[in-house]
Amino acid sequence: MNAEWNIRTCADCCAACQTKYADGETLMSRLRFTPEGYLRDDFCADCWPERSPGTETETSAWATVWHAPIPKAEEPLKKETAESLLRELMETEDPSKRNVVFILAVMLERRRILAEKEVHLQPDGIKIRVYEHKKTGESFVVPDPQLRLAEIESVQREVMDLLGIPLPQGKSAPNRPPAASTDPETTEKESAPTI
């Protein structure tokens, strides 16, 4: 299992007492890093204080609301969206798409589809950003590649190409970022595309 990124679905019942959640119920979620990768546990309000810490470290914890799944109607034509592309790339776990995965996650955060819940700094210095899908409660574990402004344009072009969006005529990429910052900590997050 690749621990770099993955989607963690909110369980429909408490990890401790196994009671099914009611639609709209507030629960607590945590993310633990184990030798197999990141594991998500969801607890009802009563069981959260009594949870077992386990042998692994709790890297993130947050409150969320559980929503009963809504049956999806079949779409006559399937159109690739930023969300479906993000899910597809995270399932393939292709390391060469790390920058695209991060930009898609930031795009969905700006569209208020995903909400950043935690940022975890690994011992090797890699930042891991934990996003939660506002409607489904799924967790998206995404490494932050610390993109520099000079790298963003090529990643924007790749995202547009994967989404089937034509480049505007006379421009090499949309929303060209402002002049490069001299701040080495500047990341793509501050200048993500608004495709």
C-alpha atoms as a PDB file:
ATOM      1  CA  MET A   1       0.000   0.000   0.000  1.00  0.00           C
ATOM      2  CA  ASN A   2       1.374   3.382  -0.946  1.00  0.00           C
ATOM      3  CA  ALA A   3       1.200   5.734   2.040  1.00  0.00           C
ATOM      4  CA  GLU A   4       1.832   8.838  -0.056  1.00  0.00           C
ATOM      5  CA  TRP A   5      -1.816   9.535  -0.709  1.00  0.00           C
ATOM      6  CA  ASN A   6      -5.127   7.836  -0.406  1.00  0.00           C
ATOM      7  CA  ILE A   7      -8.817   8.473   0.161  1.00  0.00           C
ATOM      8  CA  ARG A   8     -10.123   7.525   3.582  1.00  0.00           C
ATOM      9  CA  THR A   9     -13.892   7.097   3.679  1.00  0.00           C
ATOM     10  CA  CYS A  10     -15.812   7.980   6.815  1.00  0.00           C
ATOM     11  CA  ALA A  11     -17.169   4.805   8.393  1.00  0.00           C
ATOM     12  CA  ASP A  12     -20.935   4.464   8.836  1.00  0.00           C
ATOM     13  CA  CYS A  13     -20.542   3.254  12.429  1.00  0.00           C
ATOM     14  CA  CYS A  14     -18.391   3.933  15.485  1.00  0.00           C
ATOM     15  CA  ALA A  15     -15.032   2.117  15.562  1.00  0.00           C
ATOM     16  CA  ALA A  16     -15.499   1.349  19.268  1.00  0.00           C
ATOM     17  CA  CYS A  17     -19.187   0.514  19.899  1.00  0.00           C
ATOM     18  CA  GLN A  18     -20.176  -0.256  16.267  1.00  0.00           C
ATOM     19  CA  THR A  19     -23.331   1.900  16.581  1.00  0.00           C
ATOM     20  CA  LYS A  20     -24.518   3.158  13.184  1.00  0.00           C
ATOM     21  CA  TYR A  21     -24.411   6.925  12.773  1.00  0.00           C
ATOM     22  CA  ALA A  22     -27.597   8.912  12.228  1.00  0.00           C
ATOM     23  CA  ASP A  23     -27.741  11.331   9.304  1.00  0.00           C
ATOM     24  CA  GLY A  24     -26.352  14.678  10.516  1.00  0.00           C
ATOM     25  CA  GLU A  25     -24.672  13.198  13.609  1.00  0.00           C
ATOM     26  CA  THR A  26     -21.449  14.877  14.747  1.00  0.00           C
ATOM     27  CA  LEU A  27     -18.570  12.476  15.234  1.00  0.00           C
ATOM     28  CA  MET A  28     -14.829  12.564  15.768  1.00  0.00           C
ATOM     29  CA  SER A  29     -12.285  11.289  13.268  1.00  0.00           C
ATOM     30  CA  ARG A  30      -8.608  10.597  13.679  1.00  0.00           C
ATOM     31  CA  LEU A  31      -5.762   9.641  11.382  1.00  0.00           C
ATOM     32  CA  ARG A  32      -2.968   7.345  12.580  1.00  0.00           C
ATOM     33  CA  PHE A  33       0.257   6.555  10.777  1.00  0.00           C
ATOM     34  CA  THR A  34       1.038   2.829  10.842  1.00  0.00           C
ATOM     35  CA  PRO A  35       3.599   0.661   9.007  1.00  0.00           C
ATOM     36  CA  GLU A  36       0.817  -0.060   6.465  1.00  0.00           C
ATOM     37  CA  GLY A  37       0.153   3.664   5.902  1.00  0.00           C
ATOM     38  CA  TYR A  38      -2.423   6.126   7.186  1.00  0.00           C
ATOM     39  CA  LEU A  39      -5.480   4.627   8.913  1.00  0.00           C
ATOM     40  CA  ARG A  40      -8.659   6.528   9.694  1.00  0.00           C
ATOM     41  CA  ASP A  41     -10.896   5.772  12.688  1.00  0.00           C
ATOM     42  CA  ASP A  42     -14.296   7.386  13.343  1.00  0.00           C
ATOM     43  CA  PHE A  43     -15.912   7.522  16.793  1.00  0.00           C
ATOM     44  CA  CYS A  44     -19.267   8.610  18.178  1.00  0.00           C
ATOM     45  CA  ALA A  45     -19.196  11.437  20.743  1.00  0.00           C
ATOM     46  CA  ASP A  46     -19.590   8.976  23.652  1.00  0.00           C
ATOM     47  CA  CYS A  47     -16.692   6.712  22.633  1.00  0.00           C
ATOM     48  CA  TRP A  48     -14.211   9.419  21.582  1.00  0.00           C
ATOM     49  CA  PRO A  49     -12.891  10.204  25.103  1.00  0.00           C
ATOM     50  CA  GLU A  50     -12.433   6.467  25.818  1.00  0.00           C
ATOM     51  CA  ARG A  51     -10.712   5.574  22.525  1.00  0.00           C
ATOM     52  CA  SER A  52      -7.622   3.401  22.644  1.00  0.00           C
ATOM     53  CA  PRO A  53      -4.551   5.284  21.417  1.00  0.00           C
ATOM     54  CA  GLY A  54      -3.045   2.090  19.998  1.00  0.00           C
ATOM     55  CA  THR A  55       0.661   1.661  19.395  1.00  0.00           C
ATOM     56  CA  GLU A  56       0.726   4.211  16.565  1.00  0.00           C
ATOM     57  CA  THR A  57       0.760   7.981  16.857  1.00  0.00           C
ATOM     58  CA  GLU A  58      -2.428   9.936  16.256  1.00  0.00           C
ATOM     59  CA  THR A  59      -1.310  12.428  13.606  1.00  0.00           C
ATOM     60  CA  SER A  60      -4.618  14.248  13.105  1.00  0.00           C
ATOM     61  CA  ALA A  61      -8.010  14.550  14.776  1.00  0.00           C
ATOM     62  CA  TRP A  62     -11.103  16.545  13.836  1.00  0.00           C
ATOM     63  CA  ALA A  63     -14.863  16.777  14.270  1.00  0.00           C
ATOM     64  CA  THR A  64     -17.086  16.039  11.296  1.00  0.00           C
ATOM     65  CA  VAL A  65     -20.740  15.474  10.463  1.00  0.00           C
ATOM     66  CA  TRP A  66     -21.862  12.151   8.998  1.00  0.00           C
ATOM     67  CA  HIS A  67     -24.250  12.345   6.040  1.00  0.00           C
ATOM     68  CA  ALA A  68     -26.168   9.317   4.819  1.00  0.00           C
ATOM     69  CA  PRO A  69     -25.114   8.488   1.247  1.00  0.00           C
ATOM     70  CA  ILE A  70     -27.450   9.743  -1.475  1.00  0.00           C
ATOM     71  CA  PRO A  71     -28.018   7.312  -4.348  1.00  0.00           C
ATOM     72  CA  LYS A  72     -26.452   8.735  -7.489  1.00  0.00           C
ATOM     73  CA  ALA A  73     -28.454   8.993 -10.681  1.00  0.00           C
ATOM     74  CA  GLU A  74     -26.638   7.752 -13.757  1.00  0.00           C
ATOM     75  CA  GLU A  75     -25.217  10.502 -15.908  1.00  0.00           C
ATOM     76  CA  PRO A  76     -25.939  10.177 -19.627  1.00  0.00           C
ATOM     77  CA  LEU A  77     -22.416  11.360 -20.493  1.00  0.00           C
ATOM     78  CA  LYS A  78     -19.528  11.017 -18.111  1.00  0.00           C
ATOM     79  CA  LYS A  79     -17.485  14.198 -18.015  1.00  0.00           C
ATOM     80  CA  GLU A  80     -14.070  14.313 -16.371  1.00  0.00           C
ATOM     81  CA  THR A  81     -14.109  16.780 -13.515  1.00  0.00           C
ATOM     82  CA  ALA A  82     -11.387  17.937 -11.148  1.00  0.00           C
ATOM     83  CA  GLU A  83     -12.877  15.709  -8.435  1.00  0.00           C
ATOM     84  CA  SER A  84     -13.167  12.579 -10.597  1.00  0.00           C
ATOM     85  CA  LEU A  85      -9.645  13.123 -11.940  1.00  0.00           C
ATOM     86  CA  LEU A  86      -8.285  13.535  -8.398  1.00  0.00           C
ATOM     87  CA  ARG A  87      -9.969  10.275  -7.327  1.00  0.00           C
ATOM     88  CA  GLU A  88      -8.672   8.440 -10.408  1.00  0.00           C
ATOM     89  CA  LEU A  89      -5.086   9.625  -9.918  1.00  0.00           C
ATOM     90  CA  MET A  90      -5.131   8.805  -6.206  1.00  0.00           C
ATOM     91  CA  GLU A  91      -6.336   5.269  -6.974  1.00  0.00           C
ATOM     92  CA  THR A  92      -3.512   4.703  -9.477  1.00  0.00           C
ATOM     93  CA  GLU A  93      -0.943   6.015  -6.956  1.00  0.00           C
ATOM     94  CA  ASP A  94       1.336   7.190  -9.774  1.00  0.00           C
ATOM     95  CA  PRO A  95       4.213   9.148  -8.153  1.00  0.00           C
ATOM     96  CA  SER A  96       4.766  11.097 -11.392  1.00  0.00           C
ATOM     97  CA  LYS A  97       1.335  12.724 -10.873  1.00  0.00           C
ATOM     98  CA  ARG A  98       2.135  14.025  -7.360  1.00  0.00           C
ATOM     99  CA  ASN A  99       2.118  17.686  -8.477  1.00  0.00           C
ATOM    100  CA  VAL A 100      -1.156  17.275 -10.387  1.00  0.00           C
ATOM    101  CA  VAL A 101      -2.810  15.556  -7.398  1.00  0.00           C
ATOM    102  CA  PHE A 102      -1.779  18.426  -5.136  1.00  0.00           C
ATOM    103  CA  ILE A 103      -3.028  21.127  -7.544  1.00  0.00           C
ATOM    104  CA  LEU A 104      -6.355  19.305  -7.986  1.00  0.00           C
ATOM    105  CA  ALA A 105      -6.773  19.092  -4.191  1.00  0.00           C
ATOM    106  CA  VAL A 106      -6.073  22.830  -3.843  1.00  0.00           C
ATOM    107  CA  MET A 107      -8.515  23.598  -6.673  1.00  0.00           C
ATOM    108  CA  LEU A 108     -11.228  21.592  -4.899  1.00  0.00           C
ATOM    109  CA  GLU A 109     -10.413  23.351  -1.638  1.00  0.00           C
ATOM    110  CA  ARG A 110     -10.874  26.732  -3.349  1.00  0.00           C
ATOM    111  CA  ARG A 111     -14.182  25.515  -4.767  1.00  0.00           C
ATOM    112  CA  ARG A 112     -15.201  24.586  -1.203  1.00  0.00           C
ATOM    113  CA  ILE A 113     -15.581  20.908  -2.077  1.00  0.00           C
ATOM    114  CA  LEU A 114     -12.639  19.893   0.119  1.00  0.00           C
ATOM    115  CA  ALA A 115     -11.638  21.439   3.448  1.00  0.00           C
ATOM    116  CA  GLU A 116      -8.116  21.196   4.801  1.00  0.00           C
ATOM    117  CA  LYS A 117      -8.256  19.639   8.273  1.00  0.00           C
ATOM    118  CA  GLU A 118      -4.635  19.029   9.230  1.00  0.00           C
ATOM    119  CA  VAL A 119      -1.060  19.467   8.063  1.00  0.00           C
ATOM    120  CA  HIS A 120       1.369  16.823   9.305  1.00  0.00           C
ATOM    121  CA  LEU A 121       5.143  17.202   8.961  1.00  0.00           C
ATOM    122  CA  GLN A 122       6.831  13.826   8.524  1.00  0.00           C
ATOM    123  CA  PRO A 123      10.313  13.164   9.968  1.00  0.00           C
ATOM    124  CA  ASP A 124      11.781  13.392   6.440  1.00  0.00           C
ATOM    125  CA  GLY A 125      10.416  16.952   6.093  1.00  0.00           C
ATOM    126  CA  ILE A 126       7.518  16.086   3.740  1.00  0.00           C
ATOM    127  CA  LYS A 127       4.290  17.939   4.520  1.00  0.00           C
ATOM    128  CA  ILE A 128       1.149  15.802   4.389  1.00  0.00           C
ATOM    129  CA  ARG A 129      -2.106  17.716   3.979  1.00  0.00           C
ATOM    130  CA  VAL A 130      -5.335  16.044   5.102  1.00  0.00           C
ATOM    131  CA  TYR A 131      -8.454  17.257   3.287  1.00  0.00           C
ATOM    132  CA  GLU A 132     -12.037  16.254   4.048  1.00  0.00           C
ATOM    133  CA  HIS A 133     -14.777  16.147   1.422  1.00  0.00           C
ATOM    134  CA  LYS A 134     -17.515  18.452   2.727  1.00  0.00           C
ATOM    135  CA  LYS A 135     -20.392  16.316   1.426  1.00  0.00           C
ATOM    136  CA  THR A 136     -19.143  12.745   1.811  1.00  0.00           C
ATOM    137  CA  GLY A 137     -16.802  13.088   4.801  1.00  0.00           C
ATOM    138  CA  GLU A 138     -14.006  11.232   2.958  1.00  0.00           C
ATOM    139  CA  SER A 139     -10.420  12.090   3.893  1.00  0.00           C
ATOM    140  CA  PHE A 140      -7.873  12.788   1.165  1.00  0.00           C
ATOM    141  CA  VAL A 141      -4.248  12.362   2.277  1.00  0.00           C
ATOM    142  CA  VAL A 142      -2.079  14.411  -0.099  1.00  0.00           C
ATOM    143  CA  PRO A 143       1.667  15.107   0.110  1.00  0.00           C
ATOM    144  CA  ASP A 144       2.574  18.764  -0.472  1.00  0.00           C
ATOM    145  CA  PRO A 145       5.294  18.861  -3.179  1.00  0.00           C
ATOM    146  CA  GLN A 146       6.284  22.427  -2.159  1.00  0.00           C
ATOM    147  CA  LEU A 147       5.980  23.697  -5.745  1.00  0.00           C
ATOM    148  CA  ARG A 148       7.784  26.888  -6.625  1.00  0.00           C
ATOM    149  CA  LEU A 149       6.138  29.576  -8.734  1.00  0.00           C
ATOM    150  CA  ALA A 150       8.346  28.686 -11.715  1.00  0.00           C
ATOM    151  CA  GLU A 151       6.931  25.121 -11.713  1.00  0.00           C
ATOM    152  CA  ILE A 152       3.252  26.014 -11.527  1.00  0.00           C
ATOM    153  CA  GLU A 153       2.672  26.927 -15.181  1.00  0.00           C
ATOM    154  CA  SER A 154       3.700  23.509 -16.509  1.00  0.00           C
ATOM    155  CA  VAL A 155       1.544  21.745 -13.887  1.00  0.00           C
ATOM    156  CA  GLN A 156      -1.406  23.995 -14.817  1.00  0.00           C
ATOM    157  CA  ARG A 157      -0.981  22.976 -18.466  1.00  0.00           C
ATOM    158  CA  GLU A 158      -0.898  19.299 -17.482  1.00  0.00           C
ATOM    159  CA  VAL A 159      -4.071  19.661 -15.376  1.00  0.00           C
ATOM    160  CA  MET A 160      -5.882  21.434 -18.235  1.00  0.00           C
ATOM    161  CA  ASP A 161      -4.772  18.744 -20.674  1.00  0.00           C
ATOM    162  CA  LEU A 162      -5.993  15.943 -18.377  1.00  0.00           C
ATOM    163  CA  LEU A 163      -9.343  17.708 -17.904  1.00  0.00           C
ATOM    164  CA  GLY A 164      -9.683  18.277 -21.657  1.00  0.00           C
ATOM    165  CA  ILE A 165      -9.733  22.067 -21.312  1.00  0.00           C
ATOM    166  CA  PRO A 166      -8.185  23.847 -24.295  1.00  0.00           C
ATOM    167  CA  LEU A 167      -5.526  26.444 -23.601  1.00  0.00           C
ATOM    168  CA  PRO A 168      -6.691  30.013 -24.292  1.00  0.00           C
ATOM    169  CA  GLN A 169      -5.400  31.287 -27.623  1.00  0.00           C
ATOM    170  CA  GLY A 170      -2.330  33.477 -27.364  1.00  0.00           C
ATOM    171  CA  LYS A 171      -1.524  32.226 -23.866  1.00  0.00           C
ATOM    172  CA  SER A 172       0.584  29.338 -22.698  1.00  0.00           C
ATOM    173  CA  ALA A 173      -1.459  28.791 -19.508  1.00  0.00           C
ATOM    174  CA  PRO A 174      -4.359  30.440 -17.667  1.00  0.00           C
ATOM    175  CA  ASN A 175      -4.045  32.646 -14.618  1.00  0.00           C
ATOM    176  CA  ARG A 176      -0.319  33.182 -15.039  1.00  0.00           C
ATOM    177  CA  PRO A 177       1.096  33.660 -11.546  1.00  0.00           C
ATOM    178  CA  PRO A 178       2.535  37.009 -10.524  1.00  0.00           C
ATOM    179  CA  ALA A 179       6.276  37.633 -10.675  1.00  0.00           C
ATOM    180  CA  ALA A 180       8.222  34.915  -8.904  1.00  0.00           C
ATOM    181  CA  SER A 181       8.633  35.352  -5.193  1.00  0.00           C
ATOM    182  CA  THR A 182      12.035  35.209  -3.611  1.00  0.00           C
ATOM    183  CA  ASP A 183      10.505  33.470  -0.601  1.00  0.00           C
ATOM    184  CA  PRO A 184      11.711  29.836  -0.708  1.00  0.00           C
ATOM    185  CA  GLU A 185       8.679  28.776   1.326  1.00  0.00           C
ATOM    186  CA  THR A 186       6.258  29.962  -1.383  1.00  0.00           C
ATOM    187  CA  THR A 187       4.222  27.015  -2.516  1.00  0.00           C
ATOM    188  CA  GLU A 188       1.646  26.343  -5.177  1.00  0.00           C
ATOM    189  CA  LYS A 189      -1.112  26.648  -2.574  1.00  0.00           C
ATOM    190  CA  GLU A 190      -0.889  30.435  -2.689  1.00  0.00           C
ATOM    191  CA  SER A 191      -1.159  30.532  -6.477  1.00  0.00           C
ATOM    192  CA  ALA A 192      -3.236  27.535  -7.555  1.00  0.00           C
ATOM    193  CA  PRO A 193      -5.183  27.737 -10.799  1.00  0.00           C
ATOM    194  CA  THR A 194      -8.884  28.474 -10.719  1.00  0.00           C
ATOM    195  CA  ILE A 195      -9.762  26.175 -13.602  1.00  0.00           C
END
